Amino acid sequence: MVSPIRTKRLVLRMPSSDDLESIVSMLSDYEVTKMLSRVPHPYSEEDGRVFLQTVESQEAEWPNGEELTFFVDHSGEMIGAVFFRKLQGEPEIGYWLGKAFWGNGFMSEAVAAALDWLFNTTQHDRVSAEAMMENPASLNVMKKLGFEVVGESSCASRARGEAVRATKVVLSRDGFKRIATV
């Protein structure tokens, strides 16, 4: 079992079938999904059910699974997600936030908590991520948390049906510790 992670304003927790309505509502917004690689648009209730089944099974596979997803709650309401991929190799982190919650620093707080969990729970020494170049908010989260740019790539956007330019970044355990103690 993966215990919830608590911050000053947020709780990062394992997904539940009770989250279906919130997921479908937030991921039905093209402004959110156009910045994500794996999420289709339009986003249906069936897409939400399949997603929930996938992420709910991840906890059962922990610590041997490849992926783990935390849902982010604020004041008892699910507002987004932070997830890790490639946990048996060099992990990648990703995240999304419902549009109604943008601009409040929630994702910086949630990602920092998830990174702290990763570096304190696993032996991983670094984590990578990528963000679409036209997503300055996501790039700012990464910069604030100490990620360093290592290059550019092309990433798929299912919602757009095309590949878009992205910035690739990495964060070392030591780099995160330096930022976390400031």
N, C-alpha and C. Protein backbone atom coordinates (compact mmCIF):
# COMPACT_ATOMS: atom_id res chain seq x y z
N MET A 1 0.84 -1.19 0.00
CA MET A 1 0.00 0.00 0.00
C MET A 1 0.88 1.25 0.00
N VAL A 2 0.49 2.22 -0.80
CA VAL A 2 1.21 3.48 -0.88
C VAL A 2 0.44 4.50 -0.04
N SER A 3 1.11 5.04 0.96
CA SER A 3 0.47 6.00 1.86
C SER A 3 0.28 7.35 1.18
N PRO A 4 -0.77 8.08 1.56
CA PRO A 4 -0.96 9.42 1.01
C PRO A 4 0.21 10.34 1.40
N ILE A 5 0.46 11.30 0.55
CA ILE A 5 1.49 12.32 0.78
C ILE A 5 0.75 13.61 1.09
N ARG A 6 1.09 14.24 2.21
CA ARG A 6 0.41 15.47 2.60
C ARG A 6 1.36 16.65 2.53
N THR A 7 0.86 17.75 1.97
CA THR A 7 1.59 19.01 1.96
C THR A 7 0.74 20.02 2.71
N LYS A 8 1.17 21.26 2.69
CA LYS A 8 0.41 22.30 3.39
C LYS A 8 -1.03 22.41 2.87
N ARG A 9 -1.21 22.29 1.54
CA ARG A 9 -2.54 22.49 0.96
C ARG A 9 -3.11 21.27 0.25
N LEU A 10 -2.29 20.24 0.03
CA LEU A 10 -2.69 19.15 -0.85
C LEU A 10 -2.53 17.78 -0.22
N VAL A 11 -3.23 16.82 -0.78
CA VAL A 11 -3.03 15.41 -0.47
C VAL A 11 -2.83 14.69 -1.80
N LEU A 12 -1.73 13.95 -1.92
CA LEU A 12 -1.49 13.10 -3.07
C LEU A 12 -1.82 11.69 -2.62
N ARG A 13 -2.73 11.05 -3.34
CA ARG A 13 -3.25 9.76 -2.90
C ARG A 13 -3.45 8.84 -4.09
N MET A 14 -3.71 7.59 -3.77
CA MET A 14 -3.98 6.61 -4.82
C MET A 14 -5.38 6.87 -5.41
N PRO A 15 -5.55 6.56 -6.69
CA PRO A 15 -6.84 6.75 -7.37
C PRO A 15 -7.94 5.86 -6.81
N SER A 16 -9.17 6.30 -7.04
CA SER A 16 -10.35 5.56 -6.61
C SER A 16 -11.42 5.67 -7.70
N SER A 17 -12.29 4.68 -7.77
CA SER A 17 -13.38 4.73 -8.75
C SER A 17 -14.29 5.93 -8.52
N ASP A 18 -14.28 6.49 -7.32
CA ASP A 18 -15.07 7.69 -7.02
C ASP A 18 -14.59 8.92 -7.80
N ASP A 19 -13.41 8.83 -8.41
CA ASP A 19 -12.83 9.97 -9.12
C ASP A 19 -13.30 10.10 -10.56
N LEU A 20 -14.10 9.16 -11.04
CA LEU A 20 -14.47 9.13 -12.46
C LEU A 20 -15.06 10.45 -12.95
N GLU A 21 -16.03 10.98 -12.26
CA GLU A 21 -16.69 12.21 -12.71
C GLU A 21 -15.70 13.37 -12.80
N SER A 22 -14.83 13.52 -11.81
CA SER A 22 -13.84 14.60 -11.82
C SER A 22 -12.86 14.45 -12.97
N ILE A 23 -12.40 13.22 -13.19
CA ILE A 23 -11.45 12.97 -14.27
C ILE A 23 -12.06 13.33 -15.61
N VAL A 24 -13.26 12.83 -15.86
CA VAL A 24 -13.91 13.09 -17.15
C VAL A 24 -14.15 14.59 -17.33
N SER A 25 -14.57 15.26 -16.29
CA SER A 25 -14.82 16.69 -16.37
C SER A 25 -13.54 17.46 -16.72
N MET A 26 -12.46 17.19 -16.01
CA MET A 26 -11.22 17.93 -16.25
C MET A 26 -10.56 17.57 -17.57
N LEU A 27 -10.57 16.28 -17.92
CA LEU A 27 -9.89 15.85 -19.15
C LEU A 27 -10.78 16.00 -20.38
N SER A 28 -11.98 16.50 -20.23
CA SER A 28 -12.81 16.85 -21.38
C SER A 28 -12.47 18.24 -21.90
N ASP A 29 -11.66 18.96 -21.16
CA ASP A 29 -11.27 20.32 -21.53
C ASP A 29 -10.06 20.26 -22.47
N TYR A 30 -10.24 20.70 -23.70
CA TYR A 30 -9.17 20.65 -24.69
C TYR A 30 -7.95 21.46 -24.25
N GLU A 31 -8.15 22.53 -23.50
CA GLU A 31 -7.01 23.33 -23.02
C GLU A 31 -6.09 22.50 -22.13
N VAL A 32 -6.63 21.50 -21.45
CA VAL A 32 -5.83 20.59 -20.63
C VAL A 32 -5.23 19.49 -21.51
N THR A 33 -6.07 18.81 -22.28
CA THR A 33 -5.60 17.63 -23.01
C THR A 33 -4.64 17.95 -24.14
N LYS A 34 -4.71 19.14 -24.72
CA LYS A 34 -3.80 19.45 -25.82
C LYS A 34 -2.34 19.51 -25.36
N MET A 35 -2.12 19.64 -24.06
CA MET A 35 -0.76 19.69 -23.52
C MET A 35 -0.29 18.34 -22.99
N LEU A 36 -1.09 17.29 -23.18
CA LEU A 36 -0.75 15.95 -22.70
C LEU A 36 -0.49 15.03 -23.88
N SER A 37 0.35 14.04 -23.68
CA SER A 37 0.69 13.15 -24.79
C SER A 37 -0.29 12.00 -24.95
N ARG A 38 -0.73 11.38 -23.89
CA ARG A 38 -1.52 10.14 -23.98
C ARG A 38 -3.03 10.31 -23.97
N VAL A 39 -3.52 11.49 -23.73
CA VAL A 39 -4.95 11.69 -23.48
C VAL A 39 -5.67 12.13 -24.77
N PRO A 40 -6.74 11.41 -25.14
CA PRO A 40 -7.48 11.77 -26.35
C PRO A 40 -8.42 12.95 -26.11
N HIS A 41 -8.86 13.53 -27.20
CA HIS A 41 -9.93 14.54 -27.14
C HIS A 41 -10.84 14.30 -28.32
N PRO A 42 -12.12 14.22 -28.14
CA PRO A 42 -12.82 14.35 -26.87
C PRO A 42 -12.53 13.19 -25.92
N TYR A 43 -12.74 13.43 -24.63
CA TYR A 43 -12.48 12.46 -23.58
C TYR A 43 -13.82 11.96 -23.06
N SER A 44 -14.04 10.67 -23.20
CA SER A 44 -15.34 10.08 -22.85
C SER A 44 -15.34 9.46 -21.45
N GLU A 45 -16.52 9.13 -20.98
CA GLU A 45 -16.63 8.43 -19.70
C GLU A 45 -15.94 7.07 -19.78
N GLU A 46 -16.02 6.41 -20.94
CA GLU A 46 -15.33 5.13 -21.11
C GLU A 46 -13.81 5.32 -21.03
N ASP A 47 -13.29 6.41 -21.62
CA ASP A 47 -11.86 6.71 -21.48
C ASP A 47 -11.50 6.83 -20.00
N GLY A 48 -12.34 7.51 -19.24
CA GLY A 48 -12.11 7.67 -17.81
C GLY A 48 -12.12 6.35 -17.07
N ARG A 49 -13.05 5.47 -17.41
CA ARG A 49 -13.11 4.15 -16.76
C ARG A 49 -11.85 3.34 -17.05
N VAL A 50 -11.43 3.33 -18.31
CA VAL A 50 -10.22 2.59 -18.68
C VAL A 50 -9.01 3.16 -17.95
N PHE A 51 -8.91 4.49 -17.90
CA PHE A 51 -7.80 5.14 -17.20
C PHE A 51 -7.81 4.76 -15.72
N LEU A 52 -8.97 4.82 -15.09
CA LEU A 52 -9.06 4.47 -13.67
C LEU A 52 -8.68 3.02 -13.41
N GLN A 53 -9.13 2.11 -14.25
CA GLN A 53 -8.75 0.70 -14.09
C GLN A 53 -7.24 0.54 -14.17
N THR A 54 -6.63 1.26 -15.10
CA THR A 54 -5.18 1.18 -15.28
C THR A 54 -4.45 1.71 -14.06
N VAL A 55 -4.81 2.90 -13.61
CA VAL A 55 -4.07 3.51 -12.50
C VAL A 55 -4.38 2.84 -11.16
N GLU A 56 -5.58 2.29 -10.99
CA GLU A 56 -5.88 1.58 -9.75
C GLU A 56 -5.06 0.30 -9.63
N SER A 57 -4.74 -0.33 -10.74
CA SER A 57 -3.94 -1.56 -10.70
C SER A 57 -2.47 -1.28 -10.38
N GLN A 58 -2.03 -0.05 -10.58
CA GLN A 58 -0.62 0.28 -10.34
C GLN A 58 -0.22 0.11 -8.88
N GLU A 59 -1.09 0.47 -7.97
CA GLU A 59 -0.76 0.35 -6.55
C GLU A 59 -0.50 -1.11 -6.19
N ALA A 60 -1.28 -2.03 -6.75
CA ALA A 60 -1.10 -3.46 -6.45
C ALA A 60 0.25 -3.96 -6.95
N GLU A 61 0.77 -3.35 -8.00
CA GLU A 61 2.05 -3.77 -8.57
C GLU A 61 3.25 -3.12 -7.88
N TRP A 62 3.02 -2.08 -7.09
CA TRP A 62 4.09 -1.37 -6.41
C TRP A 62 4.73 -2.30 -5.39
N PRO A 63 6.06 -2.38 -5.25
CA PRO A 63 7.08 -1.56 -5.88
C PRO A 63 7.67 -2.15 -7.16
N ASN A 64 7.05 -3.16 -7.73
CA ASN A 64 7.62 -3.82 -8.90
C ASN A 64 7.05 -3.33 -10.22
N GLY A 65 6.08 -2.46 -10.19
CA GLY A 65 5.45 -1.99 -11.42
C GLY A 65 6.26 -0.90 -12.11
N GLU A 66 5.86 -0.62 -13.33
CA GLU A 66 6.52 0.39 -14.15
C GLU A 66 5.97 1.79 -13.92
N GLU A 67 4.72 1.89 -13.47
CA GLU A 67 4.07 3.19 -13.34
C GLU A 67 3.35 3.31 -12.00
N LEU A 68 3.23 4.55 -11.54
CA LEU A 68 2.47 4.83 -10.33
C LEU A 68 1.87 6.22 -10.46
N THR A 69 0.59 6.34 -10.18
CA THR A 69 -0.13 7.60 -10.32
C THR A 69 -0.69 8.03 -8.97
N PHE A 70 -0.47 9.29 -8.64
CA PHE A 70 -1.08 9.92 -7.47
C PHE A 70 -2.13 10.91 -7.96
N PHE A 71 -3.32 10.87 -7.38
CA PHE A 71 -4.28 11.92 -7.64
C PHE A 71 -4.06 13.01 -6.59
N VAL A 72 -4.28 14.25 -7.00
CA VAL A 72 -4.01 15.41 -6.16
C VAL A 72 -5.35 15.98 -5.69
N ASP A 73 -5.50 16.07 -4.38
CA ASP A 73 -6.70 16.65 -3.78
C ASP A 73 -6.37 17.98 -3.12
N HIS A 74 -7.31 18.92 -3.25
CA HIS A 74 -7.23 20.20 -2.54
C HIS A 74 -8.60 20.42 -1.88
N SER A 75 -8.60 20.62 -0.58
CA SER A 75 -9.84 20.82 0.17
C SER A 75 -10.86 19.72 -0.12
N GLY A 76 -10.36 18.47 -0.22
CA GLY A 76 -11.23 17.32 -0.43
C GLY A 76 -11.68 17.10 -1.86
N GLU A 77 -11.23 17.93 -2.79
CA GLU A 77 -11.62 17.81 -4.20
C GLU A 77 -10.43 17.38 -5.04
N MET A 78 -10.65 16.39 -5.91
CA MET A 78 -9.59 15.93 -6.81
C MET A 78 -9.38 17.00 -7.89
N ILE A 79 -8.12 17.48 -8.02
CA ILE A 79 -7.85 18.58 -8.95
C ILE A 79 -6.87 18.23 -10.06
N GLY A 80 -6.20 17.08 -9.98
CA GLY A 80 -5.23 16.71 -11.00
C GLY A 80 -4.51 15.44 -10.63
N ALA A 81 -3.39 15.21 -11.30
CA ALA A 81 -2.62 13.98 -11.07
C ALA A 81 -1.14 14.22 -11.31
N VAL A 82 -0.33 13.45 -10.59
CA VAL A 82 1.12 13.38 -10.81
C VAL A 82 1.43 11.90 -10.97
N PHE A 83 2.24 11.57 -11.97
CA PHE A 83 2.51 10.16 -12.22
C PHE A 83 3.97 9.94 -12.57
N PHE A 84 4.40 8.72 -12.28
CA PHE A 84 5.74 8.26 -12.64
C PHE A 84 5.61 7.13 -13.63
N ARG A 85 6.48 7.13 -14.62
CA ARG A 85 6.61 6.03 -15.58
C ARG A 85 8.03 5.50 -15.50
N LYS A 86 8.23 4.32 -16.03
CA LYS A 86 9.55 3.69 -16.13
C LYS A 86 10.23 3.57 -14.76
N LEU A 87 9.47 3.19 -13.75
CA LEU A 87 10.01 3.09 -12.40
C LEU A 87 11.05 1.98 -12.25
N GLN A 88 11.08 1.04 -13.16
CA GLN A 88 12.10 -0.02 -13.08
C GLN A 88 13.35 0.34 -13.88
N GLY A 89 13.37 1.51 -14.48
CA GLY A 89 14.53 2.00 -15.22
C GLY A 89 14.86 3.40 -14.73
N GLU A 90 14.98 4.34 -15.67
CA GLU A 90 15.14 5.74 -15.29
C GLU A 90 13.77 6.39 -15.32
N PRO A 91 13.23 6.74 -14.16
CA PRO A 91 11.85 7.20 -14.10
C PRO A 91 11.63 8.54 -14.80
N GLU A 92 10.39 8.68 -15.25
CA GLU A 92 9.91 9.94 -15.82
C GLU A 92 8.74 10.39 -14.97
N ILE A 93 8.61 11.70 -14.82
CA ILE A 93 7.46 12.25 -14.10
C ILE A 93 6.61 13.05 -15.07
N GLY A 94 5.32 13.02 -14.85
CA GLY A 94 4.38 13.81 -15.62
C GLY A 94 3.24 14.25 -14.72
N TYR A 95 2.43 15.16 -15.21
CA TYR A 95 1.36 15.68 -14.37
C TYR A 95 0.35 16.44 -15.21
N TRP A 96 -0.83 16.59 -14.65
CA TRP A 96 -1.85 17.46 -15.25
C TRP A 96 -2.71 18.03 -14.14
N LEU A 97 -3.31 19.17 -14.43
CA LEU A 97 -4.12 19.90 -13.46
C LEU A 97 -5.37 20.43 -14.16
N GLY A 98 -6.51 20.28 -13.52
CA GLY A 98 -7.74 20.84 -14.07
C GLY A 98 -7.61 22.34 -14.26
N LYS A 99 -8.16 22.85 -15.36
CA LYS A 99 -8.00 24.27 -15.70
C LYS A 99 -8.49 25.21 -14.60
N ALA A 100 -9.53 24.85 -13.90
CA ALA A 100 -10.07 25.71 -12.84
C ALA A 100 -9.06 25.95 -11.72
N PHE A 101 -7.99 25.14 -11.68
CA PHE A 101 -7.03 25.23 -10.58
C PHE A 101 -5.68 25.80 -11.02
N TRP A 102 -5.56 26.20 -12.28
CA TRP A 102 -4.32 26.77 -12.79
C TRP A 102 -4.01 28.09 -12.08
N GLY A 103 -2.72 28.38 -11.96
CA GLY A 103 -2.29 29.68 -11.46
C GLY A 103 -2.25 29.83 -9.95
N ASN A 104 -2.37 28.73 -9.22
CA ASN A 104 -2.36 28.80 -7.76
C ASN A 104 -1.14 28.14 -7.13
N GLY A 105 -0.20 27.67 -7.95
CA GLY A 105 0.98 27.00 -7.42
C GLY A 105 0.74 25.57 -6.97
N PHE A 106 -0.44 25.03 -7.27
CA PHE A 106 -0.75 23.67 -6.82
C PHE A 106 0.18 22.63 -7.44
N MET A 107 0.46 22.76 -8.73
CA MET A 107 1.27 21.72 -9.36
C MET A 107 2.71 21.78 -8.90
N SER A 108 3.27 22.94 -8.68
CA SER A 108 4.63 23.02 -8.13
C SER A 108 4.69 22.31 -6.78
N GLU A 109 3.69 22.54 -5.95
CA GLU A 109 3.62 21.91 -4.63
C GLU A 109 3.45 20.39 -4.74
N ALA A 110 2.58 19.96 -5.65
CA ALA A 110 2.33 18.52 -5.81
C ALA A 110 3.54 17.80 -6.39
N VAL A 111 4.17 18.38 -7.41
CA VAL A 111 5.33 17.74 -8.02
C VAL A 111 6.49 17.69 -7.03
N ALA A 112 6.70 18.75 -6.26
CA ALA A 112 7.76 18.73 -5.25
C ALA A 112 7.52 17.60 -4.25
N ALA A 113 6.28 17.43 -3.82
CA ALA A 113 5.96 16.36 -2.86
C ALA A 113 6.18 14.98 -3.49
N ALA A 114 5.80 14.82 -4.75
CA ALA A 114 5.98 13.54 -5.43
C ALA A 114 7.47 13.24 -5.62
N LEU A 115 8.25 14.25 -5.96
CA LEU A 115 9.70 14.05 -6.12
C LEU A 115 10.34 13.68 -4.78
N ASP A 116 9.92 14.35 -3.72
CA ASP A 116 10.43 14.01 -2.40
C ASP A 116 10.11 12.55 -2.08
N TRP A 117 8.89 12.12 -2.39
CA TRP A 117 8.51 10.72 -2.19
C TRP A 117 9.41 9.80 -3.00
N LEU A 118 9.62 10.11 -4.27
CA LEU A 118 10.43 9.26 -5.15
C LEU A 118 11.84 9.11 -4.60
N PHE A 119 12.47 10.22 -4.26
CA PHE A 119 13.86 10.18 -3.82
C PHE A 119 14.02 9.59 -2.42
N ASN A 120 12.98 9.63 -1.61
CA ASN A 120 13.05 9.04 -0.27
C ASN A 120 12.54 7.61 -0.20
N THR A 121 11.87 7.14 -1.24
CA THR A 121 11.27 5.81 -1.23
C THR A 121 12.01 4.83 -2.13
N THR A 122 12.71 5.35 -3.12
CA THR A 122 13.39 4.49 -4.10
C THR A 122 14.88 4.81 -4.10
N GLN A 123 15.61 4.04 -4.85
CA GLN A 123 17.06 4.26 -5.00
C GLN A 123 17.39 5.09 -6.23
N HIS A 124 16.41 5.61 -6.92
CA HIS A 124 16.66 6.38 -8.14
C HIS A 124 17.46 7.64 -7.82
N ASP A 125 18.42 7.93 -8.70
CA ASP A 125 19.25 9.12 -8.52
C ASP A 125 18.86 10.27 -9.42
N ARG A 126 17.95 10.00 -10.38
CA ARG A 126 17.50 11.09 -11.24
C ARG A 126 16.14 10.74 -11.83
N VAL A 127 15.48 11.76 -12.30
CA VAL A 127 14.17 11.62 -12.91
C VAL A 127 14.15 12.56 -14.11
N SER A 128 13.47 12.16 -15.16
CA SER A 128 13.38 13.01 -16.34
C SER A 128 11.92 13.39 -16.59
N ALA A 129 11.75 14.35 -17.47
CA ALA A 129 10.41 14.80 -17.85
C ALA A 129 10.52 15.51 -19.19
N GLU A 130 9.38 15.77 -19.77
CA GLU A 130 9.35 16.63 -20.95
C GLU A 130 8.05 17.41 -20.93
N ALA A 131 8.11 18.58 -21.53
CA ALA A 131 6.92 19.42 -21.63
C ALA A 131 6.90 20.04 -23.01
N MET A 132 5.71 20.17 -23.54
CA MET A 132 5.57 20.82 -24.83
C MET A 132 6.07 22.25 -24.72
N MET A 133 6.82 22.68 -25.74
CA MET A 133 7.44 24.00 -25.69
C MET A 133 6.42 25.12 -25.54
N GLU A 134 5.21 24.91 -25.99
CA GLU A 134 4.18 25.93 -25.88
C GLU A 134 3.43 25.86 -24.55
N ASN A 135 4.00 25.14 -23.58
CA ASN A 135 3.38 25.02 -22.26
C ASN A 135 4.31 25.64 -21.21
N PRO A 136 4.39 26.97 -21.19
CA PRO A 136 5.32 27.63 -20.26
C PRO A 136 5.02 27.35 -18.79
N ALA A 137 3.77 27.12 -18.43
CA ALA A 137 3.45 26.84 -17.03
C ALA A 137 4.13 25.56 -16.57
N SER A 138 4.08 24.52 -17.39
CA SER A 138 4.72 23.26 -17.04
C SER A 138 6.24 23.41 -17.00
N LEU A 139 6.78 24.12 -17.98
CA LEU A 139 8.23 24.35 -17.99
C LEU A 139 8.66 25.15 -16.76
N ASN A 140 7.83 26.09 -16.31
CA ASN A 140 8.15 26.86 -15.11
C ASN A 140 8.14 26.00 -13.85
N VAL A 141 7.21 25.05 -13.76
CA VAL A 141 7.19 24.12 -12.63
C VAL A 141 8.52 23.38 -12.57
N MET A 142 8.95 22.87 -13.71
CA MET A 142 10.19 22.10 -13.76
C MET A 142 11.40 22.96 -13.40
N LYS A 143 11.44 24.17 -13.94
CA LYS A 143 12.56 25.07 -13.65
C LYS A 143 12.61 25.40 -12.16
N LYS A 144 11.46 25.71 -11.58
CA LYS A 144 11.38 26.06 -10.16
C LYS A 144 11.90 24.93 -9.27
N LEU A 145 11.68 23.67 -9.71
CA LEU A 145 12.07 22.52 -8.91
C LEU A 145 13.47 22.01 -9.21
N GLY A 146 14.22 22.72 -10.06
CA GLY A 146 15.62 22.40 -10.28
C GLY A 146 15.92 21.52 -11.48
N PHE A 147 14.93 21.20 -12.29
CA PHE A 147 15.19 20.42 -13.50
C PHE A 147 16.10 21.21 -14.43
N GLU A 148 16.98 20.50 -15.12
CA GLU A 148 17.88 21.13 -16.09
C GLU A 148 17.53 20.67 -17.49
N VAL A 149 17.52 21.61 -18.43
CA VAL A 149 17.22 21.29 -19.82
C VAL A 149 18.36 20.46 -20.40
N VAL A 150 18.00 19.36 -21.07
CA VAL A 150 19.00 18.50 -21.71
C VAL A 150 18.78 18.37 -23.21
N GLY A 151 17.73 18.96 -23.72
CA GLY A 151 17.52 18.89 -25.16
C GLY A 151 16.08 19.10 -25.56
N GLU A 152 15.85 18.86 -26.83
CA GLU A 152 14.52 18.98 -27.40
C GLU A 152 14.12 17.65 -28.00
N SER A 153 12.83 17.46 -28.13
CA SER A 153 12.33 16.23 -28.74
C SER A 153 11.00 16.53 -29.41
N SER A 154 10.43 15.51 -29.95
CA SER A 154 9.10 15.58 -30.51
C SER A 154 8.25 14.62 -29.69
N CYS A 155 7.10 15.07 -29.22
CA CYS A 155 6.24 14.17 -28.47
C CYS A 155 4.85 14.16 -29.09
N ALA A 156 4.20 13.04 -28.97
CA ALA A 156 2.87 12.88 -29.54
C ALA A 156 1.84 13.61 -28.69
N SER A 157 0.84 14.11 -29.34
CA SER A 157 -0.33 14.66 -28.66
C SER A 157 -1.55 13.97 -29.26
N ARG A 158 -2.11 13.02 -28.51
CA ARG A 158 -3.30 12.31 -29.00
C ARG A 158 -4.46 13.27 -29.22
N ALA A 159 -4.60 14.25 -28.35
CA ALA A 159 -5.70 15.20 -28.48
C ALA A 159 -5.61 15.99 -29.78
N ARG A 160 -4.40 16.32 -30.18
CA ARG A 160 -4.20 17.09 -31.41
C ARG A 160 -4.05 16.20 -32.64
N GLY A 161 -3.68 14.94 -32.40
CA GLY A 161 -3.44 14.04 -33.51
C GLY A 161 -2.16 14.35 -34.26
N GLU A 162 -1.17 14.88 -33.55
CA GLU A 162 0.09 15.23 -34.19
C GLU A 162 1.22 15.25 -33.17
N ALA A 163 2.43 15.29 -33.67
CA ALA A 163 3.60 15.44 -32.80
C ALA A 163 3.90 16.92 -32.64
N VAL A 164 4.36 17.29 -31.46
CA VAL A 164 4.71 18.69 -31.18
C VAL A 164 6.10 18.75 -30.55
N ARG A 165 6.72 19.91 -30.64
CA ARG A 165 8.06 20.08 -30.08
C ARG A 165 7.98 20.14 -28.56
N ALA A 166 8.98 19.51 -27.93
CA ALA A 166 9.00 19.45 -26.47
C ALA A 166 10.41 19.72 -25.96
N THR A 167 10.49 20.16 -24.73
CA THR A 167 11.76 20.35 -24.03
C THR A 167 11.95 19.18 -23.08
N LYS A 168 13.13 18.56 -23.14
CA LYS A 168 13.46 17.44 -22.26
C LYS A 168 14.29 17.98 -21.09
N VAL A 169 13.98 17.51 -19.89
CA VAL A 169 14.67 17.97 -18.69
C VAL A 169 14.99 16.79 -17.78
N VAL A 170 15.99 16.97 -16.92
CA VAL A 170 16.33 15.96 -15.91
C VAL A 170 16.57 16.65 -14.58
N LEU A 171 16.39 15.89 -13.52
CA LEU A 171 16.64 16.37 -12.16
C LEU A 171 17.34 15.26 -11.40
N SER A 172 18.47 15.60 -10.81
CA SER A 172 19.19 14.62 -9.99
C SER A 172 18.69 14.69 -8.56
N ARG A 173 18.94 13.63 -7.83
CA ARG A 173 18.61 13.59 -6.41
C ARG A 173 19.29 14.76 -5.69
N ASP A 174 20.58 14.97 -5.97
CA ASP A 174 21.31 16.06 -5.32
C ASP A 174 20.75 17.42 -5.72
N GLY A 175 20.38 17.57 -6.99
CA GLY A 175 19.80 18.83 -7.44
C GLY A 175 18.49 19.12 -6.74
N PHE A 176 17.69 18.09 -6.53
CA PHE A 176 16.43 18.28 -5.82
C PHE A 176 16.68 18.63 -4.36
N LYS A 177 17.64 17.97 -3.74
CA LYS A 177 17.95 18.27 -2.33
C LYS A 177 18.37 19.72 -2.16
N ARG A 178 19.15 20.24 -3.14
CA ARG A 178 19.57 21.65 -3.06
C ARG A 178 18.37 22.58 -3.11
N ILE A 179 17.44 22.31 -4.00
CA ILE A 179 16.25 23.15 -4.13
C ILE A 179 15.34 22.98 -2.91
N ALA A 180 15.18 21.75 -2.45
CA ALA A 180 14.26 21.44 -1.35
C ALA A 180 14.69 22.08 -0.03
N THR A 181 15.96 22.39 0.11
CA THR A 181 16.43 22.97 1.36
C THR A 181 16.49 24.49 1.33
N VAL A 182 16.13 25.09 0.21
CA VAL A 182 16.18 26.55 0.08
C VAL A 182 15.01 27.18 0.79
